[in-house]
Amino acid sequence: MRWFYLGAVIVACATALIFSGCGFKNGGIEIGPISFTIPAASGVFDASAFPEASALPFAMGTLEQDLCSLPTEDDLAAAFRQAGEIDLSSIVELSRVQLNKTVLTATSGDFSTVKAVQVYFVPKNGSIFNTVNLGGAFSLTGFGDTIEIEPPDDVDLLELIQENDALIGEDCPKLLIHVAGSAPDASIQWDAEIDVDAYAMLGIF
């Protein structure tokens, strides 16, 4: 029976190689990356986010957006298997999910009045010490329909979700978005998506 499972792992890794890669990490076999996109949040930029907009031609605004729909580990694992087009449900456990970028897409209006954006993840207990910098973007001429935000360092979305779930409390985590520019004449509705590279460990779980 032991050799049967070992053979299954080897075959699974060989199959995964077709779609991604296979390497060794911490004594196990890690496959990846498999890339996919996950919806993250929706929100609105309007003049109320710029408290000093009436006094300054160039103002700073802040928006807090609940992330009650933050994907779970099971959601990430399901997206990994679907994106990789492989069925390894019995022997795959996610090891890391690297954030590549966060994309804000305007669904009403555009980001032409926005010159800079900085995004943070705030866990559900609201502690500033656990806040994660998700990156920023700037444009002297303003943005168009989308803003692509790359993280400054490696951000493991899986670790972020696990740490958030371990916190006490039933409230939702948040996106904290700092915006620099001029206040928009009309509200800008937007959706956020996150692009990730996911990796998984092969084994018998």
N, C-alpha and C. Protein backbone atom coordinates (compact mmCIF):
# COMPACT_ATOMS: atom_id res chain seq x y z
N MET A 1 0.83 -1.20 0.00
CA MET A 1 0.00 0.00 0.00
C MET A 1 0.86 1.26 0.00
N ARG A 2 1.95 1.23 0.77
CA ARG A 2 2.84 2.40 0.83
C ARG A 2 3.40 2.72 -0.54
N TRP A 3 3.79 1.67 -1.29
CA TRP A 3 4.35 1.91 -2.62
C TRP A 3 3.28 2.42 -3.58
N PHE A 4 2.04 2.02 -3.35
CA PHE A 4 0.94 2.51 -4.19
C PHE A 4 0.80 4.03 -4.04
N TYR A 5 0.83 4.53 -2.77
CA TYR A 5 0.72 5.95 -2.54
C TYR A 5 1.92 6.70 -3.09
N LEU A 6 3.13 6.12 -2.94
CA LEU A 6 4.32 6.77 -3.46
C LEU A 6 4.22 6.91 -4.97
N GLY A 7 3.72 5.84 -5.62
CA GLY A 7 3.56 5.90 -7.06
C GLY A 7 2.55 6.96 -7.46
N ALA A 8 1.47 7.09 -6.67
CA ALA A 8 0.45 8.10 -6.97
C ALA A 8 1.03 9.50 -6.88
N VAL A 9 1.88 9.74 -5.89
CA VAL A 9 2.51 11.05 -5.74
C VAL A 9 3.40 11.36 -6.93
N ILE A 10 4.18 10.37 -7.36
CA ILE A 10 5.09 10.58 -8.49
C ILE A 10 4.29 10.88 -9.76
N VAL A 11 3.22 10.11 -9.99
CA VAL A 11 2.38 10.34 -11.16
C VAL A 11 1.74 11.73 -11.10
N ALA A 12 1.27 12.12 -9.91
CA ALA A 12 0.63 13.42 -9.75
C ALA A 12 1.60 14.54 -10.05
N CYS A 13 2.84 14.39 -9.57
CA CYS A 13 3.84 15.42 -9.82
C CYS A 13 4.17 15.50 -11.30
N ALA A 14 4.26 14.37 -11.96
CA ALA A 14 4.53 14.36 -13.39
C ALA A 14 3.41 15.04 -14.16
N THR A 15 2.16 14.79 -13.74
CA THR A 15 1.02 15.45 -14.37
C THR A 15 1.07 16.95 -14.16
N ALA A 16 1.40 17.36 -12.94
CA ALA A 16 1.45 18.79 -12.63
C ALA A 16 2.53 19.49 -13.41
N LEU A 17 3.61 18.79 -13.73
CA LEU A 17 4.70 19.40 -14.48
C LEU A 17 4.24 19.89 -15.84
N ILE A 18 3.23 19.23 -16.38
CA ILE A 18 2.71 19.63 -17.69
C ILE A 18 2.16 21.04 -17.62
N PHE A 19 1.57 21.39 -16.48
CA PHE A 19 0.89 22.66 -16.34
C PHE A 19 1.75 23.72 -15.65
N SER A 20 2.69 23.32 -14.83
CA SER A 20 3.45 24.32 -14.07
C SER A 20 4.87 23.85 -13.88
N GLY A 21 5.24 23.57 -12.62
CA GLY A 21 6.58 23.12 -12.31
C GLY A 21 6.53 22.24 -11.09
N CYS A 22 7.68 21.69 -10.73
CA CYS A 22 7.73 20.82 -9.58
C CYS A 22 9.08 20.96 -8.93
N GLY A 23 9.12 21.21 -7.62
CA GLY A 23 10.38 21.37 -6.92
C GLY A 23 10.27 20.83 -5.52
N PHE A 24 11.39 20.88 -4.81
CA PHE A 24 11.42 20.36 -3.45
C PHE A 24 11.50 21.51 -2.46
N LYS A 25 10.72 21.42 -1.38
CA LYS A 25 10.69 22.44 -0.35
C LYS A 25 10.36 21.79 0.98
N ASN A 26 11.23 22.03 1.96
CA ASN A 26 11.02 21.50 3.31
C ASN A 26 10.77 19.99 3.30
N GLY A 27 11.51 19.28 2.44
CA GLY A 27 11.40 17.84 2.42
C GLY A 27 10.23 17.31 1.62
N GLY A 28 9.42 18.17 1.04
CA GLY A 28 8.28 17.74 0.26
C GLY A 28 8.41 18.17 -1.19
N ILE A 29 7.42 17.80 -1.99
CA ILE A 29 7.40 18.17 -3.40
C ILE A 29 6.40 19.30 -3.58
N GLU A 30 6.87 20.42 -4.08
CA GLU A 30 6.00 21.59 -4.28
C GLU A 30 5.76 21.79 -5.77
N ILE A 31 4.50 21.94 -6.15
CA ILE A 31 4.17 22.22 -7.54
C ILE A 31 3.67 23.65 -7.67
N GLY A 32 3.91 24.24 -8.83
CA GLY A 32 3.49 25.60 -9.09
C GLY A 32 4.55 26.36 -9.86
N PRO A 33 4.31 27.61 -10.22
CA PRO A 33 3.07 28.32 -9.85
C PRO A 33 1.92 28.04 -10.81
N ILE A 34 0.72 28.12 -10.28
CA ILE A 34 -0.50 28.15 -11.08
C ILE A 34 -1.16 29.49 -10.82
N SER A 35 -1.39 30.24 -11.88
CA SER A 35 -1.87 31.62 -11.76
C SER A 35 -3.38 31.69 -11.93
N PHE A 36 -4.01 32.53 -11.12
CA PHE A 36 -5.44 32.78 -11.28
C PHE A 36 -5.80 34.11 -10.65
N THR A 37 -7.02 34.56 -10.91
CA THR A 37 -7.51 35.85 -10.44
C THR A 37 -8.73 35.63 -9.56
N ILE A 38 -8.80 36.39 -8.45
CA ILE A 38 -9.89 36.25 -7.49
C ILE A 38 -10.55 37.61 -7.27
N PRO A 39 -11.89 37.70 -7.36
CA PRO A 39 -12.56 38.95 -6.98
C PRO A 39 -12.30 39.24 -5.51
N ALA A 40 -12.07 40.52 -5.16
CA ALA A 40 -11.72 40.87 -3.78
C ALA A 40 -12.76 41.78 -3.12
N ALA A 41 -13.16 42.86 -3.79
CA ALA A 41 -14.05 43.82 -3.14
C ALA A 41 -14.63 44.76 -4.19
N SER A 42 -15.60 45.54 -3.76
CA SER A 42 -16.17 46.63 -4.57
C SER A 42 -16.34 47.83 -3.66
N GLY A 43 -16.29 49.02 -4.25
CA GLY A 43 -16.42 50.21 -3.44
C GLY A 43 -16.67 51.44 -4.28
N VAL A 44 -16.60 52.60 -3.63
CA VAL A 44 -16.88 53.87 -4.29
C VAL A 44 -15.88 54.93 -3.83
N PHE A 45 -15.32 55.66 -4.77
CA PHE A 45 -14.58 56.88 -4.47
C PHE A 45 -15.53 58.05 -4.74
N ASP A 46 -15.69 58.93 -3.77
CA ASP A 46 -16.46 60.15 -4.01
C ASP A 46 -15.85 61.28 -3.19
N ALA A 47 -16.46 62.44 -3.26
CA ALA A 47 -15.90 63.63 -2.60
C ALA A 47 -15.80 63.46 -1.08
N SER A 48 -16.65 62.61 -0.50
CA SER A 48 -16.63 62.43 0.95
C SER A 48 -15.34 61.77 1.44
N ALA A 49 -14.61 61.11 0.52
CA ALA A 49 -13.34 60.50 0.89
C ALA A 49 -12.21 61.52 0.98
N PHE A 50 -12.49 62.75 0.53
CA PHE A 50 -11.50 63.83 0.53
C PHE A 50 -11.99 64.94 1.45
N PRO A 51 -11.76 64.86 2.75
CA PRO A 51 -12.32 65.82 3.70
C PRO A 51 -11.86 67.26 3.48
N GLU A 52 -10.68 67.44 2.87
CA GLU A 52 -10.17 68.80 2.65
C GLU A 52 -10.22 69.18 1.19
N ALA A 53 -11.05 68.50 0.43
CA ALA A 53 -11.07 68.71 -1.01
C ALA A 53 -11.47 70.12 -1.40
N SER A 54 -12.35 70.74 -0.61
CA SER A 54 -12.82 72.07 -0.97
C SER A 54 -11.76 73.14 -0.76
N ALA A 55 -10.76 72.85 0.08
CA ALA A 55 -9.75 73.86 0.40
C ALA A 55 -8.47 73.71 -0.41
N LEU A 56 -8.26 72.54 -1.02
CA LEU A 56 -7.00 72.29 -1.71
C LEU A 56 -7.26 71.75 -3.12
N PRO A 57 -6.43 72.20 -4.09
CA PRO A 57 -6.56 71.63 -5.44
C PRO A 57 -6.03 70.20 -5.50
N PHE A 58 -5.14 69.87 -4.54
CA PHE A 58 -4.56 68.53 -4.49
C PHE A 58 -4.76 68.01 -3.07
N ALA A 59 -5.51 66.93 -2.91
CA ALA A 59 -5.94 66.51 -1.58
C ALA A 59 -5.64 65.04 -1.35
N MET A 60 -5.64 64.67 -0.08
CA MET A 60 -5.48 63.28 0.33
C MET A 60 -6.81 62.75 0.83
N GLY A 61 -7.17 61.57 0.39
CA GLY A 61 -8.40 60.94 0.84
C GLY A 61 -8.14 59.53 1.33
N THR A 62 -9.04 59.03 2.15
CA THR A 62 -8.91 57.68 2.69
C THR A 62 -10.25 56.96 2.59
N LEU A 63 -10.20 55.73 2.17
CA LEU A 63 -11.40 54.89 2.05
C LEU A 63 -11.15 53.58 2.78
N GLU A 64 -12.09 53.18 3.62
CA GLU A 64 -12.06 51.86 4.24
C GLU A 64 -13.16 51.02 3.62
N GLN A 65 -12.78 49.83 3.14
CA GLN A 65 -13.74 48.96 2.47
C GLN A 65 -13.71 47.59 3.12
N ASP A 66 -14.87 47.13 3.62
CA ASP A 66 -14.94 45.81 4.24
C ASP A 66 -14.61 44.71 3.23
N LEU A 67 -13.94 43.66 3.75
CA LEU A 67 -13.61 42.49 2.93
C LEU A 67 -14.32 41.27 3.50
N CYS A 68 -15.62 41.37 3.62
CA CYS A 68 -16.39 40.25 4.18
C CYS A 68 -16.39 39.05 3.23
N SER A 69 -16.07 39.27 1.97
CA SER A 69 -16.03 38.19 0.98
C SER A 69 -14.62 37.70 0.72
N LEU A 70 -13.69 37.97 1.66
CA LEU A 70 -12.32 37.48 1.51
C LEU A 70 -12.36 35.96 1.32
N PRO A 71 -11.69 35.44 0.29
CA PRO A 71 -11.75 33.99 0.05
C PRO A 71 -11.14 33.20 1.21
N THR A 72 -11.67 32.01 1.43
CA THR A 72 -11.15 31.11 2.46
C THR A 72 -10.05 30.24 1.86
N GLU A 73 -9.40 29.45 2.71
CA GLU A 73 -8.41 28.49 2.22
C GLU A 73 -9.05 27.52 1.24
N ASP A 74 -10.26 27.07 1.54
CA ASP A 74 -10.96 26.14 0.65
C ASP A 74 -11.24 26.80 -0.70
N ASP A 75 -11.60 28.08 -0.69
CA ASP A 75 -11.83 28.81 -1.94
C ASP A 75 -10.56 28.86 -2.78
N LEU A 76 -9.43 29.16 -2.12
CA LEU A 76 -8.15 29.24 -2.82
C LEU A 76 -7.76 27.88 -3.39
N ALA A 77 -7.96 26.82 -2.60
CA ALA A 77 -7.62 25.47 -3.06
C ALA A 77 -8.46 25.08 -4.27
N ALA A 78 -9.75 25.42 -4.23
CA ALA A 78 -10.64 25.10 -5.35
C ALA A 78 -10.22 25.87 -6.60
N ALA A 79 -9.86 27.15 -6.44
CA ALA A 79 -9.42 27.94 -7.58
C ALA A 79 -8.11 27.40 -8.14
N PHE A 80 -7.22 26.93 -7.27
CA PHE A 80 -5.94 26.34 -7.69
C PHE A 80 -6.18 25.12 -8.56
N ARG A 81 -7.05 24.23 -8.11
CA ARG A 81 -7.29 22.99 -8.86
C ARG A 81 -7.98 23.27 -10.19
N GLN A 82 -8.92 24.23 -10.18
CA GLN A 82 -9.63 24.57 -11.41
C GLN A 82 -8.68 25.23 -12.41
N ALA A 83 -7.83 26.14 -11.93
CA ALA A 83 -6.90 26.84 -12.83
C ALA A 83 -5.86 25.88 -13.40
N GLY A 84 -5.44 24.90 -12.58
CA GLY A 84 -4.44 23.95 -13.03
C GLY A 84 -5.02 22.81 -13.84
N GLU A 85 -6.36 22.69 -13.85
CA GLU A 85 -7.05 21.64 -14.60
C GLU A 85 -6.55 20.26 -14.20
N ILE A 86 -6.30 20.09 -12.88
CA ILE A 86 -5.85 18.79 -12.38
C ILE A 86 -6.67 18.43 -11.16
N ASP A 87 -6.90 17.15 -10.97
CA ASP A 87 -7.64 16.67 -9.82
C ASP A 87 -6.67 15.99 -8.86
N LEU A 88 -6.17 16.79 -7.90
CA LEU A 88 -5.26 16.26 -6.89
C LEU A 88 -5.83 16.51 -5.50
N SER A 89 -7.17 16.45 -5.40
CA SER A 89 -7.83 16.87 -4.18
C SER A 89 -7.40 16.07 -2.96
N SER A 90 -7.00 14.83 -3.14
CA SER A 90 -6.66 14.00 -1.99
C SER A 90 -5.20 14.14 -1.57
N ILE A 91 -4.36 14.73 -2.42
CA ILE A 91 -2.94 14.75 -2.10
C ILE A 91 -2.30 16.13 -2.25
N VAL A 92 -3.11 17.17 -2.42
CA VAL A 92 -2.57 18.52 -2.58
C VAL A 92 -2.99 19.39 -1.40
N GLU A 93 -2.03 20.10 -0.84
CA GLU A 93 -2.31 21.09 0.20
C GLU A 93 -1.59 22.37 -0.18
N LEU A 94 -2.32 23.48 -0.23
CA LEU A 94 -1.69 24.74 -0.60
C LEU A 94 -0.54 25.06 0.35
N SER A 95 0.58 25.53 -0.22
CA SER A 95 1.73 25.91 0.59
C SER A 95 1.93 27.42 0.63
N ARG A 96 1.62 28.13 -0.44
CA ARG A 96 1.72 29.58 -0.47
C ARG A 96 0.93 30.11 -1.66
N VAL A 97 0.43 31.32 -1.52
CA VAL A 97 -0.30 31.99 -2.59
C VAL A 97 0.27 33.40 -2.70
N GLN A 98 1.17 33.60 -3.62
CA GLN A 98 1.89 34.86 -3.76
C GLN A 98 1.05 35.89 -4.51
N LEU A 99 0.88 37.04 -3.88
CA LEU A 99 0.14 38.13 -4.51
C LEU A 99 1.01 38.80 -5.56
N ASN A 100 0.52 38.85 -6.80
CA ASN A 100 1.24 39.51 -7.88
C ASN A 100 0.83 40.97 -8.04
N LYS A 101 -0.47 41.21 -7.99
CA LYS A 101 -0.96 42.57 -8.10
C LYS A 101 -2.42 42.64 -7.69
N THR A 102 -2.84 43.83 -7.32
CA THR A 102 -4.25 44.15 -7.07
C THR A 102 -4.70 45.10 -8.17
N VAL A 103 -5.81 44.80 -8.79
CA VAL A 103 -6.30 45.62 -9.91
C VAL A 103 -7.63 46.25 -9.52
N LEU A 104 -7.68 47.58 -9.52
CA LEU A 104 -8.92 48.32 -9.34
C LEU A 104 -9.47 48.69 -10.71
N THR A 105 -10.71 48.33 -10.98
CA THR A 105 -11.34 48.62 -12.26
C THR A 105 -12.56 49.48 -12.05
N ALA A 106 -12.60 50.62 -12.72
CA ALA A 106 -13.75 51.52 -12.60
C ALA A 106 -14.92 50.95 -13.38
N THR A 107 -16.06 50.79 -12.71
CA THR A 107 -17.27 50.33 -13.38
C THR A 107 -18.21 51.48 -13.68
N SER A 108 -17.95 52.65 -13.08
CA SER A 108 -18.68 53.88 -13.36
C SER A 108 -17.71 55.04 -13.17
N GLY A 109 -17.52 55.85 -14.21
CA GLY A 109 -16.52 56.90 -14.17
C GLY A 109 -15.14 56.34 -14.46
N ASP A 110 -14.10 57.11 -14.12
CA ASP A 110 -12.73 56.65 -14.31
C ASP A 110 -11.84 57.27 -13.23
N PHE A 111 -10.56 56.91 -13.26
CA PHE A 111 -9.62 57.34 -12.23
C PHE A 111 -8.73 58.51 -12.69
N SER A 112 -9.25 59.34 -13.58
CA SER A 112 -8.44 60.43 -14.13
C SER A 112 -8.04 61.46 -13.09
N THR A 113 -8.83 61.60 -12.01
CA THR A 113 -8.49 62.58 -10.97
C THR A 113 -7.57 61.98 -9.90
N VAL A 114 -7.30 60.69 -9.99
CA VAL A 114 -6.46 60.01 -9.00
C VAL A 114 -5.01 60.02 -9.47
N LYS A 115 -4.11 60.53 -8.63
CA LYS A 115 -2.68 60.60 -8.97
C LYS A 115 -1.85 59.53 -8.27
N ALA A 116 -2.30 59.07 -7.11
CA ALA A 116 -1.56 58.05 -6.37
C ALA A 116 -2.51 57.27 -5.48
N VAL A 117 -2.17 55.98 -5.29
CA VAL A 117 -2.97 55.09 -4.45
C VAL A 117 -2.03 54.21 -3.63
N GLN A 118 -2.36 54.02 -2.37
CA GLN A 118 -1.63 53.09 -1.52
C GLN A 118 -2.67 52.22 -0.82
N VAL A 119 -2.48 50.89 -0.85
CA VAL A 119 -3.48 49.97 -0.33
C VAL A 119 -2.89 49.11 0.79
N TYR A 120 -3.68 48.96 1.87
CA TYR A 120 -3.28 48.13 3.00
C TYR A 120 -4.40 47.15 3.33
N PHE A 121 -4.00 45.99 3.82
CA PHE A 121 -4.95 45.02 4.36
C PHE A 121 -4.96 45.15 5.88
N VAL A 122 -6.15 45.34 6.44
CA VAL A 122 -6.30 45.47 7.90
C VAL A 122 -7.08 44.26 8.40
N PRO A 123 -6.49 43.42 9.25
CA PRO A 123 -7.19 42.22 9.73
C PRO A 123 -8.42 42.56 10.56
N LYS A 124 -9.22 41.57 10.84
CA LYS A 124 -10.54 41.80 11.40
C LYS A 124 -10.54 42.40 12.80
N ASN A 125 -9.43 42.30 13.54
CA ASN A 125 -9.42 42.94 14.86
C ASN A 125 -8.97 44.40 14.78
N GLY A 126 -8.57 44.85 13.57
CA GLY A 126 -8.23 46.24 13.37
C GLY A 126 -6.88 46.66 13.90
N SER A 127 -6.05 45.73 14.32
CA SER A 127 -4.75 46.08 14.89
C SER A 127 -3.82 46.63 13.82
N ILE A 128 -3.24 47.79 14.07
CA ILE A 128 -2.31 48.41 13.12
C ILE A 128 -1.04 47.59 13.00
N PHE A 129 -0.71 46.79 14.02
CA PHE A 129 0.52 46.01 14.01
C PHE A 129 0.45 44.83 13.04
N ASN A 130 -0.76 44.41 12.69
CA ASN A 130 -0.93 43.30 11.75
C ASN A 130 -1.27 43.77 10.34
N THR A 131 -1.28 45.09 10.14
CA THR A 131 -1.62 45.64 8.83
C THR A 131 -0.56 45.26 7.80
N VAL A 132 -1.01 44.86 6.61
CA VAL A 132 -0.12 44.42 5.55
C VAL A 132 -0.17 45.41 4.39
N ASN A 133 0.99 45.85 3.95
CA ASN A 133 1.09 46.76 2.81
C ASN A 133 0.93 45.95 1.52
N LEU A 134 -0.13 46.23 0.77
CA LEU A 134 -0.40 45.53 -0.49
C LEU A 134 0.17 46.26 -1.70
N GLY A 135 0.77 47.44 -1.47
CA GLY A 135 1.43 48.14 -2.57
C GLY A 135 0.75 49.44 -2.95
N GLY A 136 1.33 50.09 -3.94
CA GLY A 136 0.81 51.38 -4.38
C GLY A 136 1.10 51.63 -5.85
N ALA A 137 0.55 52.71 -6.35
CA ALA A 137 0.77 53.12 -7.74
C ALA A 137 0.60 54.63 -7.83
N PHE A 138 1.31 55.25 -8.77
CA PHE A 138 1.14 56.69 -8.97
C PHE A 138 1.26 57.04 -10.45
N SER A 139 0.62 58.12 -10.81
CA SER A 139 0.67 58.63 -12.18
C SER A 139 0.50 60.14 -12.13
N LEU A 140 1.43 60.88 -12.67
CA LEU A 140 1.35 62.33 -12.65
C LEU A 140 0.18 62.85 -13.47
N THR A 141 -0.26 62.07 -14.44
CA THR A 141 -1.35 62.50 -15.32
C THR A 141 -2.68 61.87 -14.94
N GLY A 142 -2.70 61.05 -13.89
CA GLY A 142 -3.93 60.36 -13.51
C GLY A 142 -4.05 59.02 -14.21
N PHE A 143 -4.97 58.21 -13.75
CA PHE A 143 -5.16 56.89 -14.31
C PHE A 143 -6.39 56.87 -15.23
N GLY A 144 -6.58 55.74 -15.90
CA GLY A 144 -7.74 55.58 -16.77
C GLY A 144 -8.82 54.75 -16.09
N ASP A 145 -9.20 53.65 -16.73
CA ASP A 145 -10.26 52.79 -16.19
C ASP A 145 -9.74 51.83 -15.14
N THR A 146 -8.42 51.59 -15.12
CA THR A 146 -7.86 50.63 -14.17
C THR A 146 -6.64 51.20 -13.47
N ILE A 147 -6.40 50.68 -12.27
CA ILE A 147 -5.18 50.97 -11.52
C ILE A 147 -4.59 49.63 -11.11
N GLU A 148 -3.34 49.37 -11.54
CA GLU A 148 -2.67 48.12 -11.19
C GLU A 148 -1.67 48.40 -10.07
N ILE A 149 -1.82 47.67 -8.97
CA ILE A 149 -1.04 47.91 -7.76
C ILE A 149 -0.20 46.68 -7.47
N GLU A 150 1.11 46.81 -7.53
CA GLU A 150 2.02 45.71 -7.26
C GLU A 150 2.51 45.79 -5.82
N PRO A 151 2.57 44.66 -5.12
CA PRO A 151 3.05 44.67 -3.73
C PRO A 151 4.54 45.00 -3.68
N PRO A 152 5.00 45.69 -2.62
CA PRO A 152 6.41 46.06 -2.50
C PRO A 152 7.31 44.86 -2.23
N ASP A 153 6.81 43.88 -1.53
CA ASP A 153 7.55 42.67 -1.19
C ASP A 153 6.64 41.47 -1.40
N ASP A 154 7.21 40.28 -1.19
CA ASP A 154 6.38 39.08 -1.31
C ASP A 154 5.26 39.11 -0.28
N VAL A 155 4.03 39.00 -0.75
CA VAL A 155 2.87 38.94 0.12
C VAL A 155 2.21 37.58 -0.10
N ASP A 156 2.17 36.77 0.95
CA ASP A 156 1.56 35.45 0.88
C ASP A 156 0.10 35.58 1.31
N LEU A 157 -0.80 35.51 0.34
CA LEU A 157 -2.22 35.66 0.63
C LEU A 157 -2.72 34.52 1.53
N LEU A 158 -2.19 33.32 1.35
CA LEU A 158 -2.59 32.20 2.18
C LEU A 158 -2.25 32.46 3.65
N GLU A 159 -1.05 32.93 3.91
CA GLU A 159 -0.63 33.24 5.28
C GLU A 159 -1.49 34.36 5.85
N LEU A 160 -1.78 35.35 5.03
CA LEU A 160 -2.60 36.48 5.46
C LEU A 160 -3.99 36.00 5.89
N ILE A 161 -4.61 35.10 5.11
CA ILE A 161 -5.93 34.57 5.43
C ILE A 161 -5.88 33.72 6.69
N GLN A 162 -4.85 32.89 6.81
CA GLN A 162 -4.73 32.03 7.99
C GLN A 162 -4.57 32.85 9.26
N GLU A 163 -3.74 33.90 9.20
CA GLU A 163 -3.54 34.74 10.38
C GLU A 163 -4.81 35.51 10.73
N ASN A 164 -5.54 35.97 9.72
CA ASN A 164 -6.79 36.68 9.98
C ASN A 164 -7.82 35.75 10.62
N ASP A 165 -7.91 34.52 10.12
CA ASP A 165 -8.88 33.56 10.67
C ASP A 165 -8.56 33.19 12.11
N ALA A 166 -7.28 33.26 12.48
CA ALA A 166 -6.87 32.89 13.84
C ALA A 166 -7.20 33.98 14.86
N LEU A 167 -7.55 35.17 14.40
CA LEU A 167 -7.85 36.27 15.31
C LEU A 167 -9.24 36.12 15.91
N ILE A 168 -9.40 36.64 17.11
CA ILE A 168 -10.69 36.59 17.79
C ILE A 168 -11.59 37.71 17.25
N GLY A 169 -12.86 37.39 17.07
CA GLY A 169 -13.82 38.39 16.61
C GLY A 169 -14.54 37.95 15.36
N GLU A 170 -15.74 38.50 15.17
CA GLU A 170 -16.57 38.12 14.03
C GLU A 170 -16.62 39.21 12.96
N ASP A 171 -15.96 40.36 13.20
CA ASP A 171 -16.02 41.43 12.22
C ASP A 171 -15.17 41.06 11.00
N CYS A 172 -15.32 41.84 9.94
CA CYS A 172 -14.63 41.56 8.68
C CYS A 172 -13.30 42.30 8.61
N PRO A 173 -12.32 41.73 7.91
CA PRO A 173 -11.11 42.51 7.61
C PRO A 173 -11.46 43.62 6.64
N LYS A 174 -10.50 44.51 6.39
CA LYS A 174 -10.77 45.67 5.54
C LYS A 174 -9.63 45.93 4.56
N LEU A 175 -9.96 46.60 3.48
CA LEU A 175 -8.98 47.28 2.65
C LEU A 175 -8.93 48.74 3.08
N LEU A 176 -7.75 49.24 3.37
CA LEU A 176 -7.56 50.66 3.67
C LEU A 176 -6.85 51.28 2.48
N ILE A 177 -7.53 52.19 1.80
CA ILE A 177 -7.01 52.77 0.56
C ILE A 177 -6.77 54.27 0.75
N HIS A 178 -5.51 54.69 0.64
CA HIS A 178 -5.16 56.11 0.67
C HIS A 178 -5.06 56.61 -0.77
N VAL A 179 -5.72 57.71 -1.04
CA VAL A 179 -5.80 58.25 -2.40
C VAL A 179 -5.29 59.69 -2.40
N ALA A 180 -4.48 60.02 -3.38
CA ALA A 180 -4.03 61.40 -3.57
C ALA A 180 -4.49 61.87 -4.94
N GLY A 181 -4.94 63.10 -5.01
CA GLY A 181 -5.42 63.66 -6.26
C GLY A 181 -6.43 64.75 -5.99
N SER A 182 -7.33 64.94 -6.92
CA SER A 182 -8.42 65.90 -6.71
C SER A 182 -9.72 65.13 -6.56
N ALA A 183 -10.63 65.73 -5.82
CA ALA A 183 -11.91 65.06 -5.58
C ALA A 183 -12.68 64.92 -6.90
N PRO A 184 -13.24 63.73 -7.16
CA PRO A 184 -13.98 63.55 -8.41
C PRO A 184 -15.31 64.31 -8.38
N ASP A 185 -15.73 64.78 -9.55
CA ASP A 185 -17.02 65.48 -9.66
C ASP A 185 -18.19 64.52 -9.44
N ALA A 186 -17.99 63.28 -9.85
CA ALA A 186 -19.03 62.25 -9.68
C ALA A 186 -18.39 61.03 -9.04
N SER A 187 -19.19 60.25 -8.36
CA SER A 187 -18.68 59.06 -7.68
C SER A 187 -18.07 58.08 -8.68
N ILE A 188 -16.98 57.45 -8.26
CA ILE A 188 -16.31 56.43 -9.07
C ILE A 188 -16.58 55.08 -8.42
N GLN A 189 -17.35 54.25 -9.07
CA GLN A 189 -17.58 52.90 -8.57
C GLN A 189 -16.50 51.98 -9.11
N TRP A 190 -16.02 51.08 -8.28
CA TRP A 190 -14.91 50.23 -8.69
C TRP A 190 -15.04 48.82 -8.13
N ASP A 191 -14.41 47.89 -8.83
CA ASP A 191 -14.25 46.52 -8.37
C ASP A 191 -12.76 46.24 -8.22
N ALA A 192 -12.41 45.40 -7.27
CA ALA A 192 -11.02 45.00 -7.05
C ALA A 192 -10.86 43.51 -7.28
N GLU A 193 -9.79 43.15 -7.98
CA GLU A 193 -9.42 41.75 -8.16
C GLU A 193 -7.96 41.58 -7.77
N ILE A 194 -7.60 40.37 -7.36
CA ILE A 194 -6.22 40.09 -7.03
C ILE A 194 -5.70 38.98 -7.93
N ASP A 195 -4.52 39.19 -8.49
CA ASP A 195 -3.85 38.19 -9.32
C ASP A 195 -2.79 37.50 -8.47
N VAL A 196 -2.79 36.17 -8.48
CA VAL A 196 -1.88 35.42 -7.61
C VAL A 196 -1.17 34.31 -8.38
N ASP A 197 -0.04 33.88 -7.83
CA ASP A 197 0.64 32.65 -8.21
C ASP A 197 0.57 31.71 -7.01
N ALA A 198 -0.05 30.55 -7.20
CA ALA A 198 -0.26 29.62 -6.09
C ALA A 198 0.63 28.40 -6.24
N TYR A 199 1.04 27.87 -5.08
CA TYR A 199 1.87 26.69 -5.01
C TYR A 199 1.23 25.70 -4.04
N ALA A 200 1.49 24.41 -4.23
CA ALA A 200 0.94 23.40 -3.36
C ALA A 200 1.95 22.29 -3.12
N MET A 201 1.80 21.63 -1.99
CA MET A 201 2.67 20.51 -1.62
C MET A 201 1.97 19.20 -1.95
N LEU A 202 2.71 18.27 -2.50
CA LEU A 202 2.21 16.93 -2.73
C LEU A 202 2.51 16.08 -1.52
N GLY A 203 1.53 15.28 -1.11
CA GLY A 203 1.72 14.40 0.04
C GLY A 203 0.44 13.65 0.30
N ILE A 204 0.40 12.89 1.37
CA ILE A 204 -0.79 12.15 1.75
C ILE A 204 -1.34 12.81 3.01
N PHE A 205 -2.51 13.48 2.88
CA PHE A 205 -3.06 14.25 3.99
C PHE A 205 -4.33 13.57 4.48
